[in-house]
Amino acid sequence: MELRRRTIREQNIDMIIPLHEEIFYLAKSAEPEILDRLFAPDLKILHCPATRLCKSKEDMLGLDLSKELALKPVFGRAKSGVHHHLPNEPLPEDIRVSDEIHYVAQEWVTGSAYCSYMVIRKGSVQAFDVYPVTETLDGSSCVYFKAIEHDGIRKYCEQVAKHLPDTGAQIAMDFIETPEGRLVAIECNPRATSGIHLYSRTTHLARALVDPNHYPPSLAKIGAHRQIAPGMMMWEKKDVNVKRYLQHQKRLMSSQDVVFTPFLLTSYYKICQERKMKLPEMFQWDLTWEAQGEELAWARRLLEEEDEKEEEGGRPS
């Protein structure tokens, strides 16, 4: 942390904007020089929604296995480690529940997937965009982004902002909309996500991030689209027909890449080969927060304290 403090002073840094899971290291630093500049919510409100926690194999066997479930590590990201349990099927053998690795079980929700990104301050949304998940590497990791209107998601996010009146932060939420129209929030990240690409070549997002009184909100232009071209070339091709293939090719050829270097794709494959990793794992290999030992114990104590407050009625759930 001393290096970070020195960098703040030497470079005259006014604001620290988290891009990935470095937010957890910074938010728990207890360093005023860092926390005063960190554009993120208080670590104590970065918890998961109430769900079934599984600390052992016995807890997993105690689940209602007649239901369709998502089983995933407590500390995880994207699709890494997620198991799709089908009704009445046996549990996968490769789920390693232990004292170090706890899992959560959630209802598996089927429908259309969407991602949102917003900047919030003083209970209001200062920047916002939403895009559907249409092109992925693995059924989860989106590599094509096109801004759309979705009134339900925008209203949902505005309500989230209203309940965080003392927070200045980036909040990115993922949703599933069922065929019946039920909107279900399935993930929340307190940091930048791919939604920022939809502000490319504009100053709208920058103004929302640095101006505490920014108004009206900066909205991504509807129809604006970007892609991660190497990811688009390695897209998930399962159950693809001719129409879907042509749709994908049109998006690939007509969308601007967020980062372009001629040999990027080759370097990705080379890194995967050297590290013996699949591509989605390689993308985040040195960027993830993997709590272990004392740090893991600290994170669990923090969550337990917040759960106790909710049970005592100290904060609405």
Protein backbone atom coordinates (compact mmCIF):
# COMPACT_ATOMS: atom_id res chain seq x y z
CA MET A 1 0.00 0.00 0.00
CA GLU A 2 2.96 2.34 0.53
CA LEU A 3 3.61 2.28 -3.22
CA ARG A 4 0.00 3.28 -3.87
CA ARG A 5 0.17 6.12 -1.35
CA ARG A 6 3.40 7.41 -2.90
CA THR A 7 1.89 7.19 -6.38
CA ILE A 8 -1.13 9.22 -5.24
CA ARG A 9 1.14 11.97 -3.93
CA GLU A 10 3.63 11.97 -6.80
CA GLN A 11 1.00 11.87 -9.56
CA ASN A 12 -1.41 14.21 -7.77
CA ILE A 13 -4.29 11.69 -8.10
CA ASP A 14 -7.74 13.04 -7.20
CA MET A 15 -9.89 9.97 -7.87
CA ILE A 16 -9.39 6.20 -7.99
CA ILE A 17 -11.92 4.49 -10.29
CA PRO A 18 -12.01 0.67 -9.85
CA LEU A 19 -11.97 -1.38 -13.03
CA HIS A 20 -11.97 -4.92 -11.61
CA GLU A 21 -11.49 -6.81 -8.37
CA GLU A 22 -8.71 -4.53 -7.14
CA ILE A 23 -11.65 -2.75 -5.50
CA PHE A 24 -11.64 -5.32 -2.67
CA TYR A 25 -7.96 -4.77 -1.88
CA LEU A 26 -8.40 -1.01 -1.94
CA ALA A 27 -11.69 -0.93 -0.02
CA LYS A 28 -10.22 -2.93 2.87
CA SER A 29 -6.94 -1.00 2.97
CA ALA A 30 -8.05 1.27 5.86
CA GLU A 31 -5.80 3.94 4.29
CA PRO A 32 -7.46 7.41 4.33
CA GLU A 33 -5.35 8.56 1.36
CA ILE A 34 -6.85 5.73 -0.68
CA LEU A 35 -10.40 5.59 0.72
CA ASP A 36 -10.95 9.35 0.37
CA ARG A 37 -10.25 9.06 -3.36
CA LEU A 38 -11.86 5.66 -4.03
CA PHE A 39 -15.04 5.94 -6.11
CA ALA A 40 -16.79 2.92 -4.62
CA PRO A 41 -19.39 2.00 -2.00
CA ASP A 42 -18.43 1.18 1.56
CA LEU A 43 -17.20 -2.40 1.70
CA LYS A 44 -19.93 -3.34 4.18
CA ILE A 45 -22.65 -2.97 1.54
CA LEU A 46 -20.85 -5.12 -1.03
CA HIS A 47 -22.55 -8.30 0.17
CA CYS A 48 -24.58 -10.91 -1.70
CA PRO A 49 -28.36 -11.14 -1.53
CA ALA A 50 -29.81 -13.69 0.90
CA THR A 51 -29.52 -17.22 -0.47
CA ARG A 52 -28.78 -20.80 0.61
CA LEU A 53 -25.21 -21.10 1.85
CA CYS A 54 -23.48 -24.47 1.61
CA LYS A 55 -20.42 -24.95 3.83
CA SER A 56 -20.06 -28.71 3.40
CA LYS A 57 -21.05 -31.65 1.23
CA GLU A 58 -23.81 -32.38 3.75
CA ASP A 59 -25.27 -28.90 3.14
CA MET A 60 -25.25 -29.58 -0.59
CA LEU A 61 -27.02 -32.91 -0.13
CA GLY A 62 -29.63 -31.13 2.00
CA LEU A 63 -30.74 -28.98 -0.94
CA ASP A 64 -34.02 -29.62 -2.71
CA LEU A 65 -32.52 -31.39 -5.71
CA SER A 66 -35.92 -31.65 -7.41
CA LYS A 67 -35.44 -27.99 -8.41
CA GLU A 68 -33.28 -26.44 -11.14
CA LEU A 69 -30.42 -24.66 -9.37
CA ALA A 70 -27.32 -22.57 -9.94
CA LEU A 71 -24.48 -23.77 -7.71
CA LYS A 72 -21.50 -21.43 -7.52
CA PRO A 73 -18.61 -20.48 -5.24
CA VAL A 74 -19.28 -17.65 -2.77
CA PHE A 75 -16.23 -15.81 -4.09
CA GLY A 76 -16.35 -16.18 -7.84
CA ARG A 77 -17.03 -14.31 -11.05
CA ALA A 78 -18.80 -14.69 -14.39
CA LYS A 79 -19.34 -18.38 -15.18
CA SER A 80 -16.23 -19.64 -13.38
CA GLY A 81 -17.11 -22.60 -11.16
CA VAL A 82 -20.87 -22.35 -11.85
CA HIS A 83 -22.78 -25.65 -12.09
CA HIS A 84 -26.22 -25.89 -13.66
CA HIS A 85 -28.10 -28.51 -11.64
CA LEU A 86 -31.02 -30.10 -13.46
CA PRO A 87 -34.03 -31.38 -11.47
CA ASN A 88 -33.49 -34.79 -9.81
CA GLU A 89 -29.99 -35.18 -11.22
CA PRO A 90 -27.11 -36.16 -8.88
CA LEU A 91 -24.74 -33.45 -7.73
CA PRO A 92 -21.57 -33.07 -9.84
CA GLU A 93 -18.57 -34.90 -8.43
CA ASP A 94 -16.23 -31.98 -9.06
CA ILE A 95 -17.92 -29.57 -6.61
CA ARG A 96 -15.26 -29.22 -3.91
CA VAL A 97 -17.08 -27.73 -0.92
CA SER A 98 -14.72 -27.24 2.03
CA ASP A 99 -13.81 -24.92 4.89
CA GLU A 100 -11.94 -22.78 2.37
CA ILE A 101 -14.48 -22.92 -0.47
CA HIS A 102 -18.17 -22.36 0.32
CA TYR A 103 -20.92 -22.48 -2.29
CA VAL A 104 -24.30 -20.82 -2.71
CA ALA A 105 -27.38 -22.35 -4.28
CA GLN A 106 -29.87 -20.16 -6.13
CA GLU A 107 -32.96 -20.71 -8.22
CA TRP A 108 -32.02 -21.17 -11.88
CA VAL A 109 -33.86 -18.46 -13.80
CA THR A 110 -34.45 -18.88 -17.53
CA GLY A 111 -35.01 -15.96 -19.87
CA SER A 112 -33.29 -13.10 -21.69
CA ALA A 113 -30.06 -11.80 -20.13
CA TYR A 114 -29.15 -8.12 -19.77
CA CYS A 115 -26.27 -6.16 -18.27
CA SER A 116 -26.45 -2.63 -16.89
CA TYR A 117 -23.87 -0.08 -15.77
CA MET A 118 -24.43 3.13 -13.81
CA VAL A 119 -22.66 5.87 -11.91
CA ILE A 120 -24.52 6.95 -8.77
CA ARG A 121 -24.17 9.78 -6.24
CA LYS A 122 -26.43 11.23 -3.57
CA GLY A 123 -29.17 8.71 -4.34
CA SER A 124 -29.35 9.57 -8.06
CA VAL A 125 -28.15 7.97 -11.29
CA GLN A 126 -25.59 10.15 -13.10
CA ALA A 127 -24.74 7.77 -15.96
CA PHE A 128 -26.57 4.70 -17.21
CA ASP A 129 -26.65 2.13 -19.98
CA VAL A 130 -28.07 -1.34 -20.57
CA TYR A 131 -27.33 -3.95 -23.23
CA PRO A 132 -28.56 -7.50 -23.95
CA VAL A 133 -26.24 -10.50 -23.74
CA THR A 134 -26.25 -11.77 -27.32
CA GLU A 135 -22.69 -12.86 -28.20
CA THR A 136 -20.61 -14.77 -25.66
CA LEU A 137 -17.48 -16.86 -25.27
CA ASP A 138 -19.03 -19.42 -22.96
CA GLY A 139 -22.71 -18.60 -22.59
CA SER A 140 -21.89 -15.93 -19.99
CA SER A 141 -18.91 -13.72 -20.90
CA CYS A 142 -20.35 -11.09 -23.26
CA VAL A 143 -18.16 -9.85 -26.13
CA TYR A 144 -20.66 -7.67 -28.04
CA PHE A 145 -22.35 -4.62 -26.57
CA LYS A 146 -25.27 -2.64 -28.03
CA ALA A 147 -27.09 0.00 -26.01
CA ILE A 148 -30.87 -0.41 -25.83
CA GLU A 149 -33.83 1.05 -23.97
CA HIS A 150 -35.23 -1.04 -21.12
CA ASP A 151 -37.59 0.91 -18.90
CA GLY A 152 -37.92 -1.86 -16.30
CA ILE A 153 -34.17 -2.18 -15.74
CA ARG A 154 -33.69 1.58 -15.61
CA LYS A 155 -36.41 1.98 -12.97
CA TYR A 156 -34.93 -0.92 -10.98
CA CYS A 157 -31.49 0.71 -11.01
CA GLU A 158 -32.92 4.09 -10.03
CA GLN A 159 -34.50 2.45 -6.99
CA VAL A 160 -31.15 0.91 -6.06
CA ALA A 161 -29.53 4.36 -6.25
CA LYS A 162 -32.25 5.89 -4.04
CA HIS A 163 -31.46 3.35 -1.31
CA LEU A 164 -27.76 4.35 -1.36
CA PRO A 165 -28.02 8.10 -0.63
CA ASP A 166 -24.57 8.33 0.97
CA THR A 167 -22.75 6.40 -1.73
CA GLY A 168 -20.76 7.54 -4.76
CA ALA A 169 -19.89 4.54 -6.90
CA GLN A 170 -20.05 2.57 -10.10
CA ILE A 171 -22.70 -0.16 -9.92
CA ALA A 172 -23.12 -2.82 -12.60
CA MET A 173 -26.07 -5.20 -12.36
CA ASP A 174 -26.97 -8.27 -14.40
CA PHE A 175 -30.57 -9.33 -14.95
CA ILE A 176 -32.68 -12.16 -16.32
CA GLU A 177 -36.10 -11.31 -17.73
CA THR A 178 -38.38 -14.36 -17.77
CA PRO A 179 -40.87 -15.04 -20.58
CA GLU A 180 -43.61 -13.92 -18.13
CA GLY A 181 -41.91 -10.52 -17.75
CA ARG A 182 -40.43 -11.07 -14.27
CA LEU A 183 -37.18 -9.12 -13.90
CA VAL A 184 -34.63 -10.87 -11.67
CA ALA A 185 -31.32 -9.32 -10.58
CA ILE A 186 -28.70 -12.09 -10.52
CA GLU A 187 -25.44 -10.22 -9.99
CA CYS A 188 -24.11 -6.87 -8.79
CA ASN A 189 -20.56 -5.56 -9.26
CA PRO A 190 -19.33 -2.37 -7.53
CA ARG A 191 -16.92 -1.47 -10.34
CA ALA A 192 -16.58 -0.74 -14.03
CA THR A 193 -17.77 -3.39 -16.48
CA SER A 194 -18.05 -3.61 -20.25
CA GLY A 195 -20.87 -1.05 -20.23
CA ILE A 196 -18.22 1.68 -20.25
CA HIS A 197 -17.37 0.77 -23.88
CA LEU A 198 -20.68 2.28 -24.98
CA TYR A 199 -19.37 5.75 -24.08
CA SER A 200 -16.39 5.47 -26.44
CA ARG A 201 -15.37 8.68 -28.23
CA THR A 202 -17.47 10.85 -25.91
CA THR A 203 -16.79 12.75 -22.68
CA HIS A 204 -20.18 11.88 -21.17
CA LEU A 205 -18.96 9.17 -18.79
CA ALA A 206 -15.90 11.14 -17.72
CA ARG A 207 -18.09 14.10 -16.76
CA ALA A 208 -20.39 11.86 -14.72
CA LEU A 209 -17.43 10.34 -12.87
CA VAL A 210 -15.67 13.57 -11.91
CA ASP A 211 -18.53 16.06 -11.44
CA PRO A 212 -20.45 15.51 -8.16
CA ASN A 213 -23.32 17.66 -9.46
CA HIS A 214 -23.53 16.16 -12.95
CA TYR A 215 -27.04 16.49 -14.37
CA PRO A 216 -28.91 15.38 -16.43
CA PRO A 217 -27.65 11.78 -16.42
CA SER A 218 -25.28 10.69 -19.17
CA LEU A 219 -27.07 7.98 -21.14
CA ALA A 220 -25.34 5.81 -23.73
CA LYS A 221 -26.66 6.55 -27.20
CA ILE A 222 -29.29 3.97 -28.13
CA GLY A 223 -27.89 1.75 -30.85
CA ALA A 224 -24.25 2.48 -29.99
CA HIS A 225 -22.33 -0.78 -30.32
CA ARG A 226 -18.83 -2.11 -29.70
CA GLN A 227 -17.18 -5.53 -29.71
CA ILE A 228 -14.20 -7.41 -28.35
CA ALA A 229 -13.13 -8.72 -31.76
CA PRO A 230 -10.89 -11.62 -30.60
CA GLY A 231 -13.77 -12.81 -28.41
CA MET A 232 -16.22 -12.47 -31.31
CA MET A 233 -13.97 -14.70 -33.39
CA MET A 234 -14.07 -17.33 -30.64
CA TRP A 235 -17.81 -17.04 -29.94
CA GLU A 236 -19.93 -19.90 -28.65
CA LYS A 237 -21.30 -21.67 -31.74
CA LYS A 238 -23.59 -24.17 -30.04
CA ASP A 239 -26.87 -24.85 -31.91
CA VAL A 240 -26.10 -22.25 -34.60
CA ASN A 241 -28.18 -22.15 -37.80
CA VAL A 242 -27.46 -20.22 -41.00
CA LYS A 243 -29.51 -17.18 -39.96
CA ARG A 244 -27.74 -16.94 -36.61
CA TYR A 245 -24.33 -17.36 -38.27
CA LEU A 246 -25.01 -14.52 -40.70
CA GLN A 247 -26.25 -12.31 -37.85
CA HIS A 248 -23.01 -12.92 -35.98
CA GLN A 249 -20.88 -12.16 -39.05
CA LYS A 250 -22.75 -8.89 -39.62
CA ARG A 251 -22.06 -7.79 -36.04
CA LEU A 252 -18.42 -8.83 -36.32
CA MET A 253 -17.83 -6.91 -39.57
CA SER A 254 -19.80 -3.76 -38.69
CA SER A 255 -18.76 -3.10 -35.08
CA GLN A 256 -15.72 -1.19 -33.86
CA ASP A 257 -13.34 -3.13 -31.63
CA VAL A 258 -12.69 -1.76 -28.14
CA VAL A 259 -8.98 -2.58 -28.44
CA PHE A 260 -7.31 -3.53 -31.71
CA THR A 261 -3.82 -4.96 -32.22
CA PRO A 262 -3.10 -7.29 -35.16
CA PHE A 263 -1.54 -10.09 -33.12
CA LEU A 264 -3.78 -9.93 -30.03
CA LEU A 265 -5.66 -13.15 -30.80
CA THR A 266 -2.45 -15.10 -31.37
CA SER A 267 -1.00 -13.82 -28.10
CA TYR A 268 -4.16 -14.89 -26.24
CA TYR A 269 -3.82 -18.45 -27.50
CA LYS A 270 -0.10 -18.47 -26.65
CA ILE A 271 -0.79 -17.33 -23.06
CA CYS A 272 -3.52 -19.99 -22.68
CA GLN A 273 -1.09 -22.64 -23.89
CA GLU A 274 1.67 -21.53 -21.51
CA ARG A 275 -0.63 -21.32 -18.47
CA LYS A 276 -2.73 -24.36 -19.43
CA MET A 277 -5.89 -22.29 -19.10
CA LYS A 278 -9.10 -21.84 -21.01
CA LEU A 279 -9.61 -18.43 -22.56
CA PRO A 280 -12.19 -17.00 -20.09
CA GLU A 281 -9.90 -17.94 -17.17
CA MET A 282 -6.87 -16.39 -18.86
CA PHE A 283 -8.61 -13.02 -19.31
CA GLN A 284 -8.88 -12.61 -15.53
CA TRP A 285 -5.93 -14.68 -14.32
CA ASP A 286 -3.95 -11.84 -12.68
CA LEU A 287 -6.90 -9.52 -12.02
CA THR A 288 -9.00 -11.48 -9.55
CA TRP A 289 -9.49 -11.29 -5.79
CA GLU A 290 -9.11 -14.77 -4.29
CA ALA A 291 -9.59 -14.51 -0.54
CA GLN A 292 -7.62 -17.10 1.45
CA GLY A 293 -6.49 -17.65 5.02
CA GLU A 294 -6.82 -14.58 7.24
CA GLU A 295 -8.30 -12.53 4.41
CA LEU A 296 -11.01 -15.13 3.85
CA ALA A 297 -11.79 -15.25 7.58
CA TRP A 298 -12.02 -11.44 7.64
CA ALA A 299 -14.43 -11.38 4.67
CA ARG A 300 -16.67 -14.01 6.30
CA ARG A 301 -16.74 -12.11 9.59
CA LEU A 302 -17.81 -8.99 7.72
CA LEU A 303 -20.70 -10.81 6.05
CA GLU A 304 -21.77 -12.46 9.31
CA GLU A 305 -21.83 -9.08 11.07
CA GLU A 306 -24.07 -7.63 8.37
CA ASP A 307 -26.37 -10.68 8.52
CA GLU A 308 -26.70 -10.25 12.27
CA LYS A 309 -27.63 -6.57 11.83
CA GLU A 310 -30.35 -7.50 9.36
CA GLU A 311 -31.75 -10.18 11.67
CA GLU A 312 -31.87 -7.64 14.49
CA GLY A 313 -33.71 -5.17 12.27
CA GLY A 314 -30.78 -2.80 12.10
CA ARG A 315 -31.12 -2.37 8.33
CA PRO A 316 -33.87 -3.26 5.86
CA SER A 317 -33.06 -6.24 3.70
